[in-house]
């Protein structure tokens, strides 16, 4: 594994997971050290800021899950380009071992066995060498493997090749919804749920796993394998099945009898860190947990629902979005799990782009004001806000810009419907902090939001000053898609969030959770810190057509992962309350 001073978050996470794997294979009781490295790897992989940038600003300790010891090793990495402690642990094992860990289902012990038995030592082409050996039947001959293990390794290699990027939440959810609709066509399916990171509504999803409660697993599996949009069936067993779709996405299904379904649902929803903490809590009570139930005095108690599973442990039910291994178990024990915001609480959407042409600097919306209003009414909203982008600064005089804003304002004010339309605008924050709209135009608007669309790599100090300057106007109500990240495409900008939170709190500004699927921005971790600081959140969709208003479900999911209640979200207010805030 190549190590250097400029490693990305993903590369650092892979390095930490390699150390964790090596610790698992090293003699001695290394369990807690192993968990610490895995936890740090997860924290860094999902951080909205690059670890190297945090180190530059002496803020590595701000990453939850990165303790003092690991932070000191990362300090050595960023200073020298290597970590002597890591080298001493990893050098005992062939580099190929850590490459094989990328194959689903291959753990450290089996990876080491494969390396030794097949003579695979180099990281380069380790997976392709294993694939060739498996196709020749050589893996089945290794002690402890066999034909089934060999077949699973080949399937895992196929899956690994198609895993270049994690799926966006909406992609995974759309697939899961389609399969759920198909599965619910037969009466044998009593319940069906997503599992893992999809059920926890993480912003990106690694696998699409589903579970079904049924006392007729054979009928369920048979129906699943007949899913019309499948590409091929990978496996069809007595309780589990797997298939791939034409885009090579894999979907796995497991079936559990209804009387034990709650146990399976809890076990496979995760996260890993939540389940570790839950198992440790249960062990102190003399109990052990599995997907089959809770073992007490040698007997397994089964649970048809998660509610009963958690209640048996003396805990309140914990929403899936909160199962990330923080302090949710202690709060469930003391009945302090908050009532999270729900989609039904949302009364309007304040970042929508219509096809009203104000010659914007960015893309124009597709839908008419009438189409947006009708869709909003279908969703049960009382109001929406139109935030077309500001007219392009280049090519327009201030007089022309004022004329365009006046034209848009007249169109909005002339529209009458049972749903209220707020007249807003999304304004670019220019590199120096100036808003890309003359201040005299703001008086024609009900409100504005500001956002970064250029010069993303400014340093933290300059970027923070830039944003605060743009927010400093009474008509500017919120900071839109605040990190400017694009999932799987672009990292977020660097900001001093303590300064941002402090300014917003003192000046009544809000931070947006943008429900657009490749944004989901503000990320859940930062949104959680914001609400803990007392800052209010607005959940919007950044819609560019009427259908996009359905993306609100994803924005709400981020808010739930951020522990937000309806009181933390401004657009849970009815129209009368929103008028007071905006007008």
Protein backbone atom coordinates (compact mmCIF):
# COMPACT_ATOMS: atom_id res chain seq x y z
CA UNK A 1 0.00 0.00 0.00
CA UNK A 2 1.54 3.28 -1.12
CA UNK A 3 1.72 5.85 1.67
CA UNK A 4 2.44 9.56 1.26
CA UNK A 5 1.76 12.94 2.83
CA UNK A 6 -1.07 13.86 0.46
CA UNK A 7 -3.36 10.86 0.84
CA UNK A 8 -7.08 11.43 0.30
CA UNK A 9 -9.68 10.50 2.90
CA UNK A 10 -10.49 7.28 1.03
CA UNK A 11 -6.82 6.28 0.89
CA UNK A 12 -6.35 7.03 4.59
CA UNK A 13 -9.46 4.98 5.43
CA UNK A 14 -8.04 2.06 3.43
CA UNK A 15 -4.74 2.38 5.29
CA UNK A 16 -6.45 2.36 8.69
CA UNK A 17 -8.56 -0.66 7.72
CA UNK A 18 -5.37 -2.45 6.65
CA UNK A 19 -3.90 -1.78 10.10
CA UNK A 20 -7.10 -3.07 11.71
CA UNK A 21 -6.89 -6.26 9.62
CA UNK A 22 -3.24 -6.74 10.56
CA UNK A 23 -4.11 -6.32 14.25
CA UNK A 24 -6.75 -9.04 13.89
CA UNK A 25 -4.03 -11.40 12.65
CA UNK A 26 -1.43 -10.34 15.23
CA UNK A 27 -1.15 -12.48 18.40
CA UNK A 28 -2.53 -10.87 21.54
CA UNK A 29 -5.73 -9.15 22.59
CA UNK A 30 -6.00 -6.41 19.98
CA UNK A 31 -9.81 -6.28 19.72
CA UNK A 32 -10.32 -2.77 21.07
CA UNK A 33 -7.41 -1.36 19.06
CA UNK A 34 -8.85 -3.00 15.96
CA UNK A 35 -12.28 -1.44 16.60
CA UNK A 36 -10.65 1.95 17.15
CA UNK A 37 -8.95 1.81 13.75
CA UNK A 38 -12.13 0.68 12.00
CA UNK A 39 -14.09 3.46 13.66
CA UNK A 40 -11.50 6.06 12.67
CA UNK A 41 -11.53 4.74 9.10
CA UNK A 42 -15.31 5.17 8.90
CA UNK A 43 -15.12 8.68 10.36
CA UNK A 44 -12.48 9.80 7.88
CA UNK A 45 -14.11 8.17 4.84
CA UNK A 46 -17.40 9.95 5.51
CA UNK A 47 -15.97 13.29 6.62
CA UNK A 48 -17.00 16.32 4.54
CA UNK A 49 -13.51 17.78 5.06
CA UNK A 50 -10.19 16.31 3.98
CA UNK A 51 -8.20 14.99 6.94
CA UNK A 52 -5.09 16.70 5.56
CA UNK A 53 -6.90 20.06 5.59
CA UNK A 54 -8.08 19.46 9.16
CA UNK A 55 -4.51 18.63 10.15
CA UNK A 56 -3.29 21.85 8.52
CA UNK A 57 -5.71 23.72 10.81
CA UNK A 58 -4.90 21.66 13.94
CA UNK A 59 -8.43 20.27 13.94
CA UNK A 60 -7.93 16.53 13.45
CA UNK A 61 -9.43 16.01 16.90
CA UNK A 62 -12.74 17.42 15.60
CA UNK A 63 -13.34 14.16 13.70
CA UNK A 64 -15.52 11.89 15.85
CA UNK A 65 -13.90 8.47 16.16
CA UNK A 66 -10.32 9.72 15.74
CA UNK A 67 -8.72 9.39 19.15
CA UNK A 68 -5.50 10.91 20.44
CA UNK A 69 -3.33 7.92 19.47
CA UNK A 70 -4.54 7.65 15.87
CA UNK A 71 -4.42 11.44 15.52
CA UNK A 72 -0.72 11.35 16.51
CA UNK A 73 -0.05 8.69 13.84
CA UNK A 74 -1.82 10.80 11.23
CA UNK A 75 0.24 13.79 12.34
CA UNK A 76 3.37 11.74 11.58
CA UNK A 77 1.89 10.73 8.21
CA UNK A 78 1.22 14.31 7.14
CA UNK A 79 4.61 15.51 8.40
CA UNK A 80 6.85 12.74 7.07
CA UNK A 81 4.85 10.74 4.54
CA UNK A 82 5.02 7.53 6.60
CA UNK A 83 4.06 6.10 10.00
CA UNK A 84 6.66 3.89 11.69
CA UNK A 85 4.05 2.23 13.91
CA UNK A 86 1.93 1.27 10.89
CA UNK A 87 5.00 -0.01 9.06
CA UNK A 88 5.93 -2.26 11.98
CA UNK A 89 2.43 -3.81 12.00
CA UNK A 90 1.94 -4.17 8.25
CA UNK A 91 5.40 -5.50 7.34
CA UNK A 92 4.58 -8.88 8.89
CA UNK A 93 2.05 -9.62 6.15
CA UNK A 94 2.16 -9.85 2.34
CA UNK A 95 0.87 -6.67 0.63
CA UNK A 96 -1.51 -8.82 -1.45
CA UNK A 97 -3.48 -9.64 1.70
CA UNK A 98 -4.82 -6.10 1.98
CA UNK A 99 -5.88 -6.03 -1.66
CA UNK A 100 -7.90 -9.23 -1.23
CA UNK A 101 -9.86 -7.60 1.60
CA UNK A 102 -11.66 -5.53 -1.05
CA UNK A 103 -13.48 -8.70 -2.13
CA UNK A 104 -16.85 -8.99 -0.34
CA UNK A 105 -16.86 -11.91 2.09
CA UNK A 106 -13.06 -12.27 2.29
CA UNK A 107 -11.82 -11.43 5.78
CA UNK A 108 -8.22 -11.13 7.04
CA UNK A 109 -7.81 -14.77 8.06
CA UNK A 110 -9.02 -16.20 4.76
CA UNK A 111 -7.08 -13.58 2.80
CA UNK A 112 -3.88 -14.69 4.55
CA UNK A 113 -4.67 -18.36 3.85
CA UNK A 114 -5.21 -17.61 0.17
CA UNK A 115 -1.98 -15.65 -0.10
CA UNK A 116 0.07 -18.44 1.49
CA UNK A 117 -1.58 -21.31 -0.37
CA UNK A 118 -1.50 -19.67 -3.81
CA UNK A 119 1.80 -17.84 -3.44
CA UNK A 120 0.21 -14.42 -3.99
CA UNK A 121 2.41 -11.81 -2.36
CA UNK A 122 2.44 -8.64 -4.46
CA UNK A 123 -0.44 -6.16 -4.23
CA UNK A 124 -0.26 -5.64 -7.96
CA UNK A 125 -2.82 -7.85 -9.73
CA UNK A 126 -3.51 -9.81 -6.52
CA UNK A 127 -7.24 -9.99 -7.23
CA UNK A 128 -6.77 -11.05 -10.86
CA UNK A 129 -4.36 -13.80 -9.74
CA UNK A 130 -6.91 -15.06 -7.22
CA UNK A 131 -9.62 -14.98 -9.91
CA UNK A 132 -7.48 -17.10 -12.25
CA UNK A 133 -6.74 -19.59 -9.47
CA UNK A 134 -10.44 -19.86 -8.58
CA UNK A 135 -11.44 -20.41 -12.20
CA UNK A 136 -8.90 -23.25 -12.37
CA UNK A 137 -10.42 -24.85 -9.26
CA UNK A 138 -7.33 -24.25 -7.12
CA UNK A 139 -9.13 -22.40 -4.32
CA UNK A 140 -11.49 -25.33 -3.69
CA UNK A 141 -8.47 -27.52 -2.90
CA UNK A 142 -7.23 -25.28 -0.07
CA UNK A 143 -8.02 -26.62 3.39
CA UNK A 144 -11.06 -24.90 4.87
CA UNK A 145 -12.46 -23.68 1.55
CA UNK A 146 -14.17 -26.00 -0.96
CA UNK A 147 -16.42 -25.56 -3.98
CA UNK A 148 -18.96 -23.27 -2.27
CA UNK A 149 -16.30 -20.91 -0.94
CA UNK A 150 -14.62 -20.82 -4.33
CA UNK A 151 -17.92 -19.90 -6.03
CA UNK A 152 -18.57 -17.15 -3.47
CA UNK A 153 -15.10 -15.70 -4.04
CA UNK A 154 -15.69 -15.55 -7.79
CA UNK A 155 -19.06 -13.85 -7.19
CA UNK A 156 -17.38 -11.43 -4.80
CA UNK A 157 -14.73 -10.54 -7.37
CA UNK A 158 -17.45 -9.74 -9.92
CA UNK A 159 -19.17 -7.55 -7.33
CA UNK A 160 -15.89 -5.85 -6.38
CA UNK A 161 -15.23 -4.90 -10.01
CA UNK A 162 -18.55 -3.09 -10.17
CA UNK A 163 -17.94 -1.16 -6.97
CA UNK A 164 -16.00 1.81 -8.31
CA UNK A 165 -18.38 4.21 -6.59
CA UNK A 166 -20.95 3.99 -3.86
CA UNK A 167 -24.52 4.52 -5.02
CA UNK A 168 -26.25 7.81 -4.38
CA UNK A 169 -29.06 7.39 -1.88
CA UNK A 170 -31.81 8.11 -4.39
CA UNK A 171 -30.41 5.54 -6.86
CA UNK A 172 -30.38 2.82 -4.23
CA UNK A 173 -33.78 3.88 -2.88
CA UNK A 174 -35.39 3.85 -6.34
CA UNK A 175 -34.12 0.31 -6.94
CA UNK A 176 -35.29 -0.84 -3.52
CA UNK A 177 -38.72 0.77 -3.99
CA UNK A 178 -39.16 -0.98 -7.35
CA UNK A 179 -38.26 -4.38 -5.93
CA UNK A 180 -40.44 -3.80 -2.88
CA UNK A 181 -43.42 -3.06 -5.14
CA UNK A 182 -42.71 -6.28 -7.02
CA UNK A 183 -42.37 -8.36 -3.86
CA UNK A 184 -45.60 -7.01 -2.35
CA UNK A 185 -47.55 -8.54 -5.25
CA UNK A 186 -47.57 -11.92 -3.46
CA UNK A 187 -49.40 -12.52 -0.16
CA UNK A 188 -46.52 -14.51 1.35
CA UNK A 189 -44.59 -11.27 1.86
CA UNK A 190 -45.81 -9.99 5.23
CA UNK A 191 -43.22 -7.21 5.60
CA UNK A 192 -40.30 -6.01 3.51
CA UNK A 193 -37.55 -3.58 4.50
CA UNK A 194 -34.25 -2.24 3.28
CA UNK A 195 -31.23 -3.02 5.43
CA UNK A 196 -27.86 -1.52 6.22
CA UNK A 197 -26.81 1.96 5.13
CA UNK A 198 -29.87 2.24 2.88
CA UNK A 199 -32.26 1.81 5.79
CA UNK A 200 -30.15 4.24 7.81
CA UNK A 201 -30.49 6.63 4.83
CA UNK A 202 -26.79 7.37 4.51
CA UNK A 203 -25.96 9.84 1.72
CA UNK A 204 -24.27 7.07 -0.29
CA UNK A 205 -24.99 3.35 -0.16
CA UNK A 206 -22.59 0.47 -0.68
CA UNK A 207 -25.02 -2.42 -1.04
CA UNK A 208 -28.72 -2.91 -1.66
CA UNK A 209 -29.89 -5.44 0.90
CA UNK A 210 -33.53 -6.28 1.57
CA UNK A 211 -35.29 -8.45 4.12
CA UNK A 212 -38.71 -10.09 4.10
CA UNK A 213 -40.84 -11.44 6.92
CA UNK A 214 -42.53 -14.60 5.71
CA UNK A 215 -43.32 -18.15 6.80
CA UNK A 216 -43.00 -19.32 3.19
CA UNK A 217 -39.42 -18.54 2.20
CA UNK A 218 -39.57 -20.79 -0.86
CA UNK A 219 -42.38 -18.76 -2.45
CA UNK A 220 -40.67 -15.48 -1.60
CA UNK A 221 -37.32 -16.53 -3.08
CA UNK A 222 -38.99 -17.86 -6.22
CA UNK A 223 -40.88 -14.60 -6.75
CA UNK A 224 -37.75 -12.52 -6.12
CA UNK A 225 -35.78 -14.40 -8.79
CA UNK A 226 -38.56 -13.58 -11.29
CA UNK A 227 -38.09 -9.82 -10.85
CA UNK A 228 -38.68 -8.54 -14.41
CA UNK A 229 -35.77 -6.06 -14.46
CA UNK A 230 -33.09 -8.49 -13.35
CA UNK A 231 -30.03 -9.25 -15.44
CA UNK A 232 -29.19 -12.60 -13.87
CA UNK A 233 -29.73 -14.61 -10.69
CA UNK A 234 -26.52 -15.11 -8.72
CA UNK A 235 -27.93 -17.32 -5.97
CA UNK A 236 -31.26 -18.75 -4.89
CA UNK A 237 -31.03 -20.63 -1.58
CA UNK A 238 -33.56 -21.63 1.02
CA UNK A 239 -33.44 -18.32 2.96
CA UNK A 240 -31.36 -15.98 0.80
CA UNK A 241 -31.05 -14.94 -2.83
CA UNK A 242 -29.03 -12.51 -4.93
CA UNK A 243 -29.50 -11.02 -8.36
CA UNK A 244 -27.92 -8.35 -10.51
CA UNK A 245 -29.58 -5.64 -12.56
CA UNK A 246 -28.59 -4.56 -16.08
CA UNK A 247 -26.36 -1.83 -14.61
CA UNK A 248 -24.53 -4.56 -12.62
CA UNK A 249 -25.93 -3.38 -9.28
CA UNK A 250 -26.40 -6.33 -6.97
CA UNK A 251 -29.44 -6.84 -4.76
CA UNK A 252 -29.44 -9.35 -1.90
CA UNK A 253 -32.54 -10.66 -0.16
CA UNK A 254 -32.92 -12.61 3.07
CA UNK A 255 -36.08 -14.14 4.49
CA UNK A 256 -36.90 -14.70 8.16
CA UNK A 257 -40.02 -16.22 9.77
CA UNK A 258 -42.28 -13.48 11.06
CA UNK A 259 -41.86 -14.43 14.74
CA UNK A 260 -38.11 -13.64 14.57
CA UNK A 261 -38.18 -10.87 11.96
CA UNK A 262 -37.51 -8.02 14.40
CA UNK A 263 -34.20 -9.61 15.39
CA UNK A 264 -33.01 -9.90 11.79
CA UNK A 265 -34.11 -6.36 10.99
CA UNK A 266 -32.18 -4.95 13.94
CA UNK A 267 -29.07 -7.03 13.32
CA UNK A 268 -28.65 -6.13 9.66
CA UNK A 269 -29.64 -2.47 9.90
CA UNK A 270 -26.41 -1.74 11.77
CA UNK A 271 -24.29 0.23 11.78
CA UNK A 272 -21.40 -2.00 12.81
CA UNK A 273 -20.44 0.40 15.61
CA UNK A 274 -24.01 0.59 16.90
CA UNK A 275 -24.25 -3.19 16.98
CA UNK A 276 -20.90 -3.52 18.77
CA UNK A 277 -22.03 -1.12 21.49
CA UNK A 278 -25.40 -2.86 21.72
CA UNK A 279 -23.74 -6.27 22.11
CA UNK A 280 -21.47 -4.92 24.83
CA UNK A 281 -24.47 -3.44 26.63
CA UNK A 282 -26.33 -6.77 26.36
CA UNK A 283 -23.34 -8.79 27.63
CA UNK A 284 -23.35 -6.77 30.84
CA UNK A 285 -26.91 -8.00 31.34
CA UNK A 286 -25.90 -11.61 30.66
CA UNK A 287 -27.46 -11.60 27.20
CA UNK A 288 -26.10 -12.30 23.71
CA UNK A 289 -27.57 -10.96 20.47
CA UNK A 290 -27.89 -12.37 16.97
CA UNK A 291 -30.13 -12.09 13.92
CA UNK A 292 -32.22 -14.91 15.43
CA UNK A 293 -33.00 -13.20 18.73
CA UNK A 294 -31.64 -12.63 22.23
CA UNK A 295 -30.07 -15.55 24.04
CA UNK A 296 -30.82 -15.72 27.76
CA UNK A 297 -29.89 -18.65 30.00
CA UNK A 298 -29.22 -20.84 26.98
CA UNK A 299 -32.56 -20.11 25.34
CA UNK A 300 -33.13 -17.80 22.36
CA UNK A 301 -36.00 -15.35 22.74
CA UNK A 302 -37.45 -14.31 19.37
CA UNK A 303 -38.99 -10.95 18.48
CA UNK A 304 -41.43 -10.15 15.73
CA UNK A 305 -40.61 -6.42 15.86
CA UNK A 306 -37.60 -4.24 16.54
CA UNK A 307 -39.62 -2.36 19.13
CA UNK A 308 -39.96 -5.48 21.23
CA UNK A 309 -36.29 -6.36 20.66
CA UNK A 310 -35.07 -3.02 22.04
CA UNK A 311 -37.68 -2.95 24.81
CA UNK A 312 -36.54 -6.39 26.02
CA UNK A 313 -33.11 -4.83 26.57
CA UNK A 314 -34.64 -2.00 28.59
CA UNK A 315 -34.24 0.48 25.74
CA UNK A 316 -36.60 2.67 23.78
CA UNK A 317 -36.71 1.91 20.05
CA UNK A 318 -33.93 3.75 18.22
CA UNK A 319 -34.73 5.12 14.74
CA UNK A 320 -32.47 3.54 12.08
CA UNK A 321 -31.00 6.93 11.11
CA UNK A 322 -29.51 7.30 14.61
CA UNK A 323 -27.82 3.89 14.77
CA UNK A 324 -24.28 5.10 14.14
CA UNK A 325 -22.56 4.20 17.41
CA UNK A 326 -22.63 7.58 19.13
CA UNK A 327 -24.62 8.00 22.37
CA UNK A 328 -27.96 6.68 21.11
CA UNK A 329 -27.97 3.63 23.40
CA UNK A 330 -27.49 5.70 26.56
CA UNK A 331 -30.23 8.08 25.45
CA UNK A 332 -32.56 5.16 24.68
CA UNK A 333 -31.89 3.82 28.17
CA UNK A 334 -32.90 7.14 29.76
CA UNK A 335 -35.89 7.73 27.42
CA UNK A 336 -34.25 10.75 25.78
CA UNK A 337 -34.33 9.75 22.10
CA UNK A 338 -35.82 12.84 20.38
CA UNK A 339 -38.90 12.73 18.19
CA UNK A 340 -37.28 13.27 14.83
CA UNK A 341 -38.69 15.48 12.09
CA UNK A 342 -40.87 13.64 9.58
CA UNK A 343 -41.70 14.28 5.93
CA UNK A 344 -45.30 15.02 6.94
CA UNK A 345 -44.05 17.94 9.09
CA UNK A 346 -42.81 19.92 6.07
CA UNK A 347 -45.14 22.78 5.08
CA UNK A 348 -43.22 24.25 2.13
CA UNK A 349 -40.07 24.32 0.01
CA UNK A 350 -38.00 27.50 -0.22
CA UNK A 351 -35.46 26.70 -2.93
CA UNK A 352 -37.18 26.02 -6.25
CA UNK A 353 -36.19 27.10 -9.76
CA UNK A 354 -39.03 27.83 -12.20
CA UNK A 355 -38.85 28.55 -15.91
CA UNK A 356 -39.34 32.27 -15.32
CA UNK A 357 -36.50 33.62 -17.45
CA UNK A 358 -34.35 36.17 -15.65
CA UNK A 359 -31.37 35.35 -17.89
CA UNK A 360 -29.62 33.52 -15.06
CA UNK A 361 -25.95 32.76 -14.72
CA UNK A 362 -26.83 29.11 -14.15
CA UNK A 363 -29.36 26.62 -15.49
CA UNK A 364 -33.01 27.56 -15.78
CA UNK A 365 -35.85 25.54 -14.30
CA UNK A 366 -38.09 23.46 -16.55
CA UNK A 367 -41.54 23.81 -14.97
CA UNK A 368 -44.05 26.66 -15.04
CA UNK A 369 -45.24 28.38 -11.92
CA UNK A 370 -48.61 26.64 -12.34
CA UNK A 371 -46.99 23.20 -12.56
CA UNK A 372 -44.91 23.84 -9.46
CA UNK A 373 -47.94 25.10 -7.53
CA UNK A 374 -50.00 22.04 -8.47
CA UNK A 375 -47.23 19.67 -7.41
CA UNK A 376 -46.76 21.52 -4.14
CA UNK A 377 -50.47 21.23 -3.38
CA UNK A 378 -50.31 17.49 -4.05
CA UNK A 379 -47.59 17.31 -1.41
CA UNK A 380 -49.79 19.18 1.06
CA UNK A 381 -47.67 22.34 1.17
CA UNK A 382 -48.97 25.77 2.15
CA UNK A 383 -46.23 27.72 0.36
CA UNK A 384 -43.24 27.51 -1.93
CA UNK A 385 -40.40 29.92 -2.64
CA UNK A 386 -38.98 30.62 -6.10
CA UNK A 387 -35.21 31.09 -6.09
CA UNK A 388 -34.13 31.45 -9.70
CA UNK A 389 -30.43 32.24 -9.99
CA UNK A 390 -29.41 35.87 -10.16
CA UNK A 391 -28.98 37.35 -13.64
CA UNK A 392 -25.45 37.00 -14.99
CA UNK A 393 -23.22 39.82 -13.77
CA UNK A 394 -21.25 39.88 -16.99
CA UNK A 395 -23.16 41.31 -19.92
CA UNK A 396 -25.77 43.14 -17.82
CA UNK A 397 -25.76 46.66 -16.45
CA UNK A 398 -27.22 47.23 -12.99
CA UNK A 399 -30.19 48.84 -14.67
CA UNK A 400 -30.82 45.77 -16.81
CA UNK A 401 -30.53 43.47 -13.77
CA UNK A 402 -33.02 45.63 -11.88
CA UNK A 403 -35.40 45.44 -14.84
CA UNK A 404 -35.16 41.61 -14.92
CA UNK A 405 -35.84 41.30 -11.17
CA UNK A 406 -38.80 43.66 -11.49
CA UNK A 407 -40.18 41.53 -14.33
CA UNK A 408 -39.88 38.34 -12.27
CA UNK A 409 -41.50 40.02 -9.25
CA UNK A 410 -44.49 41.13 -11.32
CA UNK A 411 -44.99 37.58 -12.65
CA UNK A 412 -44.94 36.11 -9.14
CA UNK A 413 -47.24 38.77 -7.68
CA UNK A 414 -49.74 38.33 -10.51
CA UNK A 415 -50.07 34.61 -9.82
CA UNK A 416 -53.00 33.77 -7.53
CA UNK A 417 -53.64 30.34 -6.11
CA UNK A 418 -54.53 28.62 -2.86
CA UNK A 419 -50.83 28.03 -2.26
CA UNK A 420 -48.68 31.05 -1.43
CA UNK A 421 -45.67 31.89 -3.62
CA UNK A 422 -42.73 33.66 -1.98
CA UNK A 423 -40.55 35.70 -4.32
CA UNK A 424 -36.94 34.70 -3.65
CA UNK A 425 -33.60 34.41 -5.44
CA UNK A 426 -30.44 32.32 -5.18
CA UNK A 427 -27.47 34.68 -5.33
CA UNK A 428 -23.90 33.70 -6.16
CA UNK A 429 -21.23 34.57 -3.63
CA UNK A 430 -18.39 36.07 -5.63
CA UNK A 431 -14.78 35.21 -4.62
CA UNK A 432 -14.36 38.47 -2.68
CA UNK A 433 -17.63 37.99 -0.75
CA UNK A 434 -19.73 40.37 -2.83
CA UNK A 435 -23.23 39.19 -3.73
CA UNK A 436 -23.83 38.88 -7.49
CA UNK A 437 -26.91 41.10 -7.26
CA UNK A 438 -27.12 44.83 -6.58
CA UNK A 439 -28.42 45.54 -3.07
CA UNK A 440 -31.20 47.77 -4.39
CA UNK A 441 -32.70 44.71 -6.13
CA UNK A 442 -33.04 42.86 -2.83
CA UNK A 443 -35.84 45.18 -1.73
CA UNK A 444 -38.08 43.71 -4.46
CA UNK A 445 -37.66 40.18 -3.07
CA UNK A 446 -39.31 38.50 -0.10
CA UNK A 447 -35.98 36.85 0.69
CA UNK A 448 -32.77 35.55 -0.83
CA UNK A 449 -30.34 32.72 -0.22
CA UNK A 450 -26.65 32.81 -1.07
CA UNK A 451 -24.41 30.03 -2.35
CA UNK A 452 -20.92 29.24 -3.62
CA UNK A 453 -20.66 28.20 -7.27
CA UNK A 454 -17.05 29.09 -8.08
CA UNK A 455 -13.50 29.36 -6.64
CA UNK A 456 -14.08 26.31 -4.45
CA UNK A 457 -10.45 25.93 -3.30
CA UNK A 458 -10.03 29.18 -1.40
CA UNK A 459 -8.40 28.67 1.99
CA UNK A 460 -10.61 28.33 5.03
CA UNK A 461 -10.07 31.86 6.33
CA UNK A 462 -10.83 33.57 3.03
CA UNK A 463 -13.78 31.30 2.29
CA UNK A 464 -15.29 31.96 5.72
CA UNK A 465 -14.96 35.74 5.30
CA UNK A 466 -16.45 35.41 1.82
CA UNK A 467 -19.55 33.59 3.09
CA UNK A 468 -20.10 35.81 6.14
CA UNK A 469 -19.89 38.93 3.99
CA UNK A 470 -22.54 37.57 1.63
CA UNK A 471 -24.87 36.58 4.46
CA UNK A 472 -24.71 40.05 6.00
CA UNK A 473 -27.94 41.57 4.66
CA UNK A 474 -31.45 41.49 6.19
CA UNK A 475 -33.02 40.01 3.04
CA UNK A 476 -30.55 37.10 2.93
CA UNK A 477 -32.17 34.42 5.06
CA UNK A 478 -30.08 31.31 4.49
CA UNK A 479 -26.86 29.80 3.17
CA UNK A 480 -27.76 27.27 0.44
CA UNK A 481 -25.96 23.91 -0.03
CA UNK A 482 -23.31 25.20 2.38
CA UNK A 483 -20.36 22.88 1.67
CA UNK A 484 -20.93 23.00 -2.13
CA UNK A 485 -20.00 19.32 -2.29
CA UNK A 486 -21.12 17.00 -5.07
CA UNK A 487 -21.20 13.40 -3.90
CA UNK A 488 -18.80 11.13 -5.80
CA UNK A 489 -17.61 14.17 -7.77
CA UNK A 490 -16.39 17.12 -5.69
CA UNK A 491 -15.31 17.61 -2.10
CA UNK A 492 -16.80 20.37 -0.01
CA UNK A 493 -15.32 23.81 0.58
CA UNK A 494 -13.37 24.59 3.76
CA UNK A 495 -15.12 26.81 6.29
CA UNK A 496 -14.67 27.75 9.94
CA UNK A 497 -17.96 26.26 11.02
CA UNK A 498 -17.81 27.69 14.54
CA UNK A 499 -17.73 31.18 13.01
CA UNK A 500 -20.52 30.31 10.59
CA UNK A 501 -22.71 28.86 13.37
CA UNK A 502 -22.03 31.85 15.63
CA UNK A 503 -22.90 34.37 12.91
CA UNK A 504 -26.09 32.54 11.95
CA UNK A 505 -27.23 32.29 15.57
CA UNK A 506 -26.59 35.97 16.31
CA UNK A 507 -28.11 37.23 13.06
CA UNK A 508 -31.06 34.89 12.60
CA UNK A 509 -29.67 33.17 9.51
CA UNK A 510 -30.44 29.56 8.61
CA UNK A 511 -28.40 26.80 7.06
CA UNK A 512 -29.92 24.71 4.30
CA UNK A 513 -30.11 20.95 3.93
CA UNK A 514 -30.34 20.61 0.16
CA UNK A 515 -32.24 17.43 -0.76
CA UNK A 516 -30.84 17.26 -4.31
CA UNK A 517 -29.49 13.68 -4.43
CA UNK A 518 -25.88 14.43 -5.29
CA UNK A 519 -25.69 17.23 -2.73
CA UNK A 520 -27.52 16.25 0.51
CA UNK A 521 -25.81 19.31 1.88
CA UNK A 522 -25.45 20.34 4.76
CA UNK A 523 -24.07 16.87 5.59
CA UNK A 524 -25.66 15.19 8.61
CA UNK A 525 -22.63 15.57 10.91
CA UNK A 526 -22.44 19.33 10.34
CA UNK A 527 -26.21 19.73 10.54
CA UNK A 528 -26.12 17.97 13.92
CA UNK A 529 -23.44 20.39 15.15
CA UNK A 530 -25.47 23.32 13.80
CA UNK A 531 -28.63 22.44 15.71
CA UNK A 532 -26.63 21.74 18.86
CA UNK A 533 -25.38 25.33 18.48
CA UNK A 534 -28.96 26.58 18.21
CA UNK A 535 -28.87 27.33 14.47
CA UNK A 536 -32.08 26.73 12.54
CA UNK A 537 -32.21 24.53 9.43
CA UNK A 538 -34.30 24.88 6.27
CA UNK A 539 -34.83 21.72 4.18
CA UNK A 540 -35.22 22.37 0.46
CA UNK A 541 -35.01 20.42 -2.79
CA UNK A 542 -33.20 22.80 -5.17
CA UNK A 543 -35.85 21.66 -7.66
CA UNK A 544 -35.48 22.45 -11.36
CA UNK A 545 -38.75 20.76 -12.31
CA UNK A 546 -42.00 19.92 -10.54
CA UNK A 547 -41.06 16.25 -10.12
CA UNK A 548 -37.94 17.24 -8.22
CA UNK A 549 -40.06 18.40 -5.30
CA UNK A 550 -40.20 14.71 -4.32
CA UNK A 551 -36.54 14.97 -3.32
CA UNK A 552 -37.72 16.45 -0.02
CA UNK A 553 -37.71 12.89 1.39
CA UNK A 554 -33.92 12.80 1.07
CA UNK A 555 -33.45 16.18 2.72
CA UNK A 556 -35.62 15.02 5.62
CA UNK A 557 -33.51 11.85 5.87
CA UNK A 558 -30.37 13.97 6.32
CA UNK A 559 -32.15 16.02 9.00
CA UNK A 560 -33.18 12.85 10.82
CA UNK A 561 -29.58 11.57 10.73
CA UNK A 562 -28.64 14.96 12.21
CA UNK A 563 -31.03 14.38 15.16
CA UNK A 564 -33.31 17.24 14.05
CA UNK A 565 -36.77 17.64 15.51
CA UNK A 566 -39.50 19.63 13.78
CA UNK A 567 -38.63 22.60 16.00
CA UNK A 568 -35.15 22.72 14.44
CA UNK A 569 -36.60 23.09 10.92
CA UNK A 570 -38.02 26.46 9.90
CA UNK A 571 -40.18 25.17 7.04
CA UNK A 572 -42.25 23.06 9.39
CA UNK A 573 -43.88 26.39 10.25
CA UNK A 574 -47.34 27.12 8.76
CA UNK A 575 -47.75 29.96 6.32
CA UNK A 576 -48.52 32.51 9.04
CA UNK A 577 -45.24 31.70 10.80
CA UNK A 578 -43.23 31.76 7.60
CA UNK A 579 -44.67 35.14 6.60
CA UNK A 580 -43.37 36.61 9.87
CA UNK A 581 -39.90 35.27 9.15
CA UNK A 582 -39.67 36.37 5.53
CA UNK A 583 -41.76 39.50 5.12
